[in-house]
Amino acid sequence: MDYKSPYDIVKDLIQSGAIKSKLAVKDILIRGFLSGAFLAFSTILAFTVAIQSQQGYIGAIAFPVGFAMIILLGLELVTGNFAIIPMAVFAKQTSMFWLVRNWTWAFLGNLMGCTFLGLLFSIYITKLGHHYDAEIVQKIVAIAEEKTLVYKNEGSAGLLIVFVKAILCNWMVTMGVVMGNVSTSTTGKILALWLPVFTFFTLGLEHSVVNMFVIPTAILLKANISLSDWWWWNQIPVTIGNCIGGAFFTGALLYFSFGRKR
């Protein structure tokens, strides 16, 4: 049997969090860049499949492709690290200094990867800025405006809504990291992580790294969104919500149930 018990899973995640926290900055940036790029690829794939099938949930089935590559290669996704590095802190395998250091550089690496893919995507999809009528262009712009301007129009209520959606999102995303460790086989890992990642994407929740691709790409595609709209009404509250969702609902609850010595 290739199944691992929750105790073994949490033990492995603690060890992984300790190692990740002390990676060289160069490695965090490179692996973070790749993670952002892979999630951008899978977002484009999900939107394309949804348009072709006219079924949003079919796109959600396709989306975990990028997440699977990140987990299998052990790359640096800041939203996943929001859960597993706190586990290592709770276990005294690393410190808050190393936690903040990893989160900061992983966030920057993810942002670089997402915006780089967004730039390349906008170049080819618009044929060097000459055509903006592709259906996927319209979809990305519409989704990005929904992720920013709709919340802006709701004011403080919009901030609360996006914050709650971000907490729920990373609860599922970090469970994808956990489920990616329930098996020692490649097939088992992929099948297990697919479940929570499919769930968050289907429910339309707010993931800070996905939004690092969708919103700036929409700006490049001439969406009526400013940089302040992006950061104030989405990126900042979503990142904070993702942090709470991962660190508490996955990191803390699993550690204090399965990770402490009995």
Protein backbone atom coordinates (compact mmCIF):
# COMPACT_ATOMS: atom_id res chain seq x y z
CA MET A 1 0.00 0.00 0.00
CA ASP A 2 1.33 3.46 -0.91
CA TYR A 3 -0.99 5.32 1.49
CA LYS A 4 0.60 7.29 4.35
CA SER A 5 -1.16 7.95 7.66
CA PRO A 6 -1.99 11.54 8.71
CA TYR A 7 0.75 11.32 11.36
CA ASP A 8 3.36 10.48 8.73
CA ILE A 9 2.00 13.13 6.36
CA VAL A 10 2.29 15.89 8.96
CA LYS A 11 5.74 14.66 9.98
CA ASP A 12 6.91 14.89 6.35
CA LEU A 13 5.32 18.33 5.92
CA ILE A 14 7.12 19.62 9.02
CA GLN A 15 10.43 18.41 7.60
CA SER A 16 9.61 19.93 4.21
CA GLY A 17 8.65 23.26 5.82
CA ALA A 18 11.94 23.38 7.73
CA ILE A 19 13.96 22.71 4.57
CA LYS A 20 11.98 25.21 2.48
CA SER A 21 12.37 27.96 5.06
CA LYS A 22 16.16 27.90 4.77
CA LEU A 23 16.57 27.55 1.01
CA ALA A 24 18.92 30.00 -0.68
CA VAL A 25 17.17 33.13 -1.95
CA LYS A 26 18.19 32.20 -5.50
CA ASP A 27 16.45 28.85 -5.22
CA ILE A 28 13.29 30.33 -3.71
CA LEU A 29 13.09 32.89 -6.52
CA ILE A 30 13.69 30.36 -9.31
CA ARG A 31 11.25 27.81 -7.90
CA GLY A 32 8.75 30.56 -7.12
CA PHE A 33 9.04 31.88 -10.67
CA LEU A 34 8.34 28.40 -12.05
CA SER A 35 5.36 27.94 -9.72
CA GLY A 36 3.81 31.22 -10.85
CA ALA A 37 4.38 30.36 -14.50
CA PHE A 38 2.90 26.86 -14.14
CA LEU A 39 -0.22 28.21 -12.41
CA ALA A 40 -0.55 30.81 -15.17
CA PHE A 41 -0.34 28.07 -17.80
CA SER A 42 -3.01 26.03 -16.01
CA THR A 43 -5.26 29.08 -15.66
CA ILE A 44 -5.06 29.70 -19.41
CA LEU A 45 -5.78 26.01 -19.95
CA ALA A 46 -8.79 26.06 -17.62
CA PHE A 47 -10.27 29.15 -19.31
CA THR A 48 -9.69 27.67 -22.77
CA VAL A 49 -11.32 24.36 -21.87
CA ALA A 50 -14.27 26.15 -20.23
CA ILE A 51 -14.83 28.25 -23.37
CA GLN A 52 -14.57 25.26 -25.70
CA SER A 53 -16.87 23.06 -23.61
CA GLN A 54 -19.21 25.85 -22.46
CA GLN A 55 -19.00 24.20 -19.03
CA GLY A 56 -17.09 25.96 -16.28
CA TYR A 57 -16.57 22.83 -14.22
CA ILE A 58 -14.73 21.20 -17.13
CA GLY A 59 -12.19 24.01 -16.92
CA ALA A 60 -11.91 23.38 -13.18
CA ILE A 61 -11.09 19.74 -13.90
CA ALA A 62 -8.20 20.90 -16.10
CA PHE A 63 -6.83 23.55 -13.72
CA PRO A 64 -4.96 21.27 -11.23
CA VAL A 65 -2.45 20.35 -13.97
CA GLY A 66 -0.16 23.21 -12.95
CA PHE A 67 -0.60 22.52 -9.24
CA ALA A 68 0.37 18.89 -9.78
CA MET A 69 3.62 19.95 -11.48
CA ILE A 70 4.41 22.25 -8.56
CA ILE A 71 3.87 19.52 -5.95
CA LEU A 72 5.70 16.80 -7.86
CA LEU A 73 8.74 19.02 -8.41
CA GLY A 74 8.75 20.47 -4.88
CA LEU A 75 8.60 24.07 -6.09
CA GLU A 76 7.86 27.19 -4.06
CA LEU A 77 4.22 28.26 -4.03
CA VAL A 78 3.71 30.90 -1.37
CA THR A 79 0.13 29.87 -0.66
CA GLY A 80 1.24 26.30 0.06
CA ASN A 81 4.07 27.59 2.24
CA PHE A 82 1.48 29.54 4.26
CA ALA A 83 0.61 26.16 5.81
CA ILE A 84 3.68 23.95 5.88
CA ILE A 85 6.27 26.43 7.19
CA PRO A 86 4.09 27.34 10.21
CA MET A 87 3.99 23.60 10.95
CA ALA A 88 7.78 23.64 11.13
CA VAL A 89 7.66 26.70 13.40
CA PHE A 90 5.18 24.98 15.74
CA ALA A 91 7.53 21.98 15.85
CA LYS A 92 10.51 24.27 16.56
CA GLN A 93 12.25 23.09 13.39
CA THR A 94 12.56 26.67 12.12
CA SER A 95 11.84 30.23 13.30
CA MET A 96 9.59 33.15 12.42
CA PHE A 97 12.55 34.91 10.78
CA TRP A 98 13.00 32.09 8.28
CA LEU A 99 9.23 31.87 7.77
CA VAL A 100 8.92 35.55 6.83
CA ARG A 101 12.02 35.31 4.66
CA ASN A 102 10.60 32.39 2.65
CA TRP A 103 7.14 33.90 2.29
CA THR A 104 8.58 37.21 1.06
CA TRP A 105 10.84 35.75 -1.62
CA ALA A 106 8.33 33.07 -2.67
CA PHE A 107 5.65 35.77 -3.10
CA LEU A 108 8.03 37.81 -5.26
CA GLY A 109 9.03 34.76 -7.32
CA ASN A 110 5.39 33.79 -7.89
CA LEU A 111 4.58 37.36 -8.94
CA MET A 112 7.47 37.39 -11.42
CA GLY A 113 6.41 34.08 -12.97
CA CYS A 114 2.75 35.06 -13.29
CA THR A 115 3.38 38.50 -14.79
CA PHE A 116 6.01 37.13 -17.17
CA LEU A 117 3.55 34.54 -18.52
CA GLY A 118 0.88 37.23 -18.66
CA LEU A 119 3.13 39.39 -20.83
CA LEU A 120 3.94 36.55 -23.23
CA PHE A 121 0.27 35.50 -23.36
CA SER A 122 -0.89 39.03 -24.16
CA ILE A 123 1.67 39.29 -26.97
CA TYR A 124 0.51 36.19 -28.79
CA ILE A 125 -3.23 36.30 -28.04
CA THR A 126 -3.55 39.89 -29.31
CA LYS A 127 -1.13 39.37 -32.20
CA LEU A 128 1.25 42.03 -30.88
CA GLY A 129 -1.55 44.29 -29.70
CA HIS A 130 -3.58 44.38 -32.93
CA HIS A 131 -6.53 42.15 -32.00
CA TYR A 132 -8.41 42.07 -28.69
CA ASP A 133 -11.52 40.23 -29.84
CA ALA A 134 -10.54 36.65 -28.86
CA GLU A 135 -13.08 35.05 -26.57
CA ILE A 136 -10.47 34.21 -23.95
CA VAL A 137 -9.38 37.87 -23.86
CA GLN A 138 -12.93 38.91 -23.08
CA LYS A 139 -13.21 36.20 -20.43
CA ILE A 140 -10.00 37.21 -18.64
CA VAL A 141 -11.01 40.87 -18.66
CA ALA A 142 -14.49 40.05 -17.32
CA ILE A 143 -13.12 37.81 -14.55
CA ALA A 144 -10.48 40.37 -13.55
CA GLU A 145 -13.08 43.14 -13.35
CA GLU A 146 -15.26 40.88 -11.22
CA LYS A 147 -12.28 40.27 -8.94
CA THR A 148 -11.61 44.00 -8.46
CA LEU A 149 -14.26 46.48 -9.59
CA VAL A 150 -17.21 44.47 -8.26
CA TYR A 151 -15.64 44.41 -4.78
CA LYS A 152 -14.73 48.09 -5.11
CA ASN A 153 -18.35 48.97 -5.84
CA GLU A 154 -19.38 47.16 -2.63
CA GLY A 155 -16.94 49.17 -0.51
CA SER A 156 -16.08 47.73 2.91
CA ALA A 157 -18.53 44.87 2.34
CA GLY A 158 -16.56 43.98 -0.80
CA LEU A 159 -13.33 43.81 1.20
CA LEU A 160 -14.95 41.48 3.71
CA ILE A 161 -16.33 39.24 0.95
CA VAL A 162 -13.01 38.93 -0.89
CA PHE A 163 -11.23 38.31 2.44
CA VAL A 164 -13.57 35.44 3.38
CA LYS A 165 -13.32 33.92 -0.10
CA ALA A 166 -9.53 34.04 0.22
CA ILE A 167 -9.58 32.21 3.57
CA LEU A 168 -11.79 29.47 2.16
CA CYS A 169 -9.68 29.25 -0.98
CA ASN A 170 -6.38 28.59 0.70
CA TRP A 171 -7.94 26.17 3.13
CA MET A 172 -8.56 24.03 0.05
CA VAL A 173 -5.31 24.88 -1.74
CA THR A 174 -3.19 23.90 1.26
CA MET A 175 -5.23 20.74 1.59
CA GLY A 176 -4.05 20.11 -1.97
CA VAL A 177 -0.48 20.25 -0.62
CA VAL A 178 -1.44 17.86 2.18
CA MET A 179 -3.23 15.46 -0.16
CA GLY A 180 -0.25 15.54 -2.49
CA ASN A 181 1.64 13.84 0.33
CA VAL A 182 -0.83 11.05 1.15
CA SER A 183 0.78 8.65 -1.30
CA THR A 184 4.28 7.57 -2.28
CA SER A 185 3.23 6.99 -5.90
CA THR A 186 3.02 9.68 -8.56
CA THR A 187 -0.48 8.62 -9.61
CA GLY A 188 -1.71 8.60 -6.03
CA LYS A 189 -0.33 12.07 -5.37
CA ILE A 190 -1.96 13.54 -8.48
CA LEU A 191 -5.36 11.98 -7.88
CA ALA A 192 -5.42 13.04 -4.23
CA LEU A 193 -4.35 16.66 -4.74
CA TRP A 194 -6.86 17.04 -7.59
CA LEU A 195 -9.81 16.91 -5.18
CA PRO A 196 -9.38 20.11 -3.11
CA VAL A 197 -7.83 22.11 -5.98
CA PHE A 198 -10.78 21.26 -8.24
CA THR A 199 -13.07 22.32 -5.39
CA PHE A 200 -11.60 25.80 -4.90
CA PHE A 201 -11.51 26.58 -8.62
CA THR A 202 -15.08 25.38 -9.21
CA LEU A 203 -16.37 27.50 -6.31
CA GLY A 204 -14.74 30.65 -7.73
CA LEU A 205 -12.72 31.43 -4.61
CA GLU A 206 -9.83 33.90 -4.42
CA HIS A 207 -6.26 32.63 -4.84
CA SER A 208 -3.54 35.26 -4.63
CA VAL A 209 -1.14 33.59 -7.06
CA VAL A 210 -3.79 32.89 -9.71
CA ASN A 211 -4.82 36.53 -9.37
CA MET A 212 -1.20 37.60 -9.94
CA PHE A 213 -1.75 36.28 -13.46
CA VAL A 214 -5.38 37.12 -14.16
CA ILE A 215 -5.51 40.75 -13.06
CA PRO A 216 -2.25 42.17 -14.47
CA THR A 217 -2.85 40.22 -17.68
CA ALA A 218 -6.30 41.82 -17.94
CA ILE A 219 -4.66 45.23 -17.46
CA LEU A 220 -2.35 44.43 -20.39
CA LEU A 221 -5.48 43.45 -22.34
CA LYS A 222 -6.92 46.94 -21.74
CA ALA A 223 -9.27 46.17 -18.85
CA ASN A 224 -10.48 49.26 -17.01
CA ILE A 225 -8.52 48.31 -13.89
CA SER A 226 -5.85 50.43 -12.19
CA LEU A 227 -2.87 49.17 -10.20
CA SER A 228 -4.53 50.43 -7.01
CA ASP A 229 -7.71 48.52 -7.91
CA TRP A 230 -5.62 45.36 -8.29
CA TRP A 231 -3.71 45.68 -5.03
CA TRP A 232 -6.22 47.32 -2.69
CA TRP A 233 -9.38 45.48 -3.74
CA ASN A 234 -7.82 42.09 -4.39
CA GLN A 235 -4.13 41.28 -4.01
CA ILE A 236 -3.58 42.59 -0.47
CA PRO A 237 -6.79 41.28 1.18
CA VAL A 238 -6.57 38.01 -0.74
CA THR A 239 -2.96 37.42 0.32
CA ILE A 240 -3.85 38.08 3.97
CA GLY A 241 -6.89 35.80 3.74
CA ASN A 242 -4.87 33.07 2.04
CA CYS A 243 -2.30 33.31 4.83
CA ILE A 244 -4.93 32.86 7.55
CA GLY A 245 -6.68 30.05 5.69
CA GLY A 246 -3.44 28.13 5.21
CA ALA A 247 -1.68 28.84 8.50
CA PHE A 248 -4.65 28.20 10.80
CA PHE A 249 -7.16 25.89 9.12
CA THR A 250 -4.52 23.59 7.66
CA GLY A 251 -1.18 24.25 9.32
CA ALA A 252 -2.25 24.76 12.94
CA LEU A 253 -5.22 22.39 13.09
CA LEU A 254 -3.40 19.46 11.48
CA TYR A 255 -0.22 20.04 13.47
CA PHE A 256 -1.96 20.19 16.85
CA SER A 257 -3.98 17.08 16.02
CA PHE A 258 -1.43 14.89 14.24
CA GLY A 259 1.97 16.55 14.62
CA ARG A 260 2.61 16.76 18.34
CA LYS A 261 4.40 13.92 20.11
CA ARG A 262 1.99 11.70 22.02
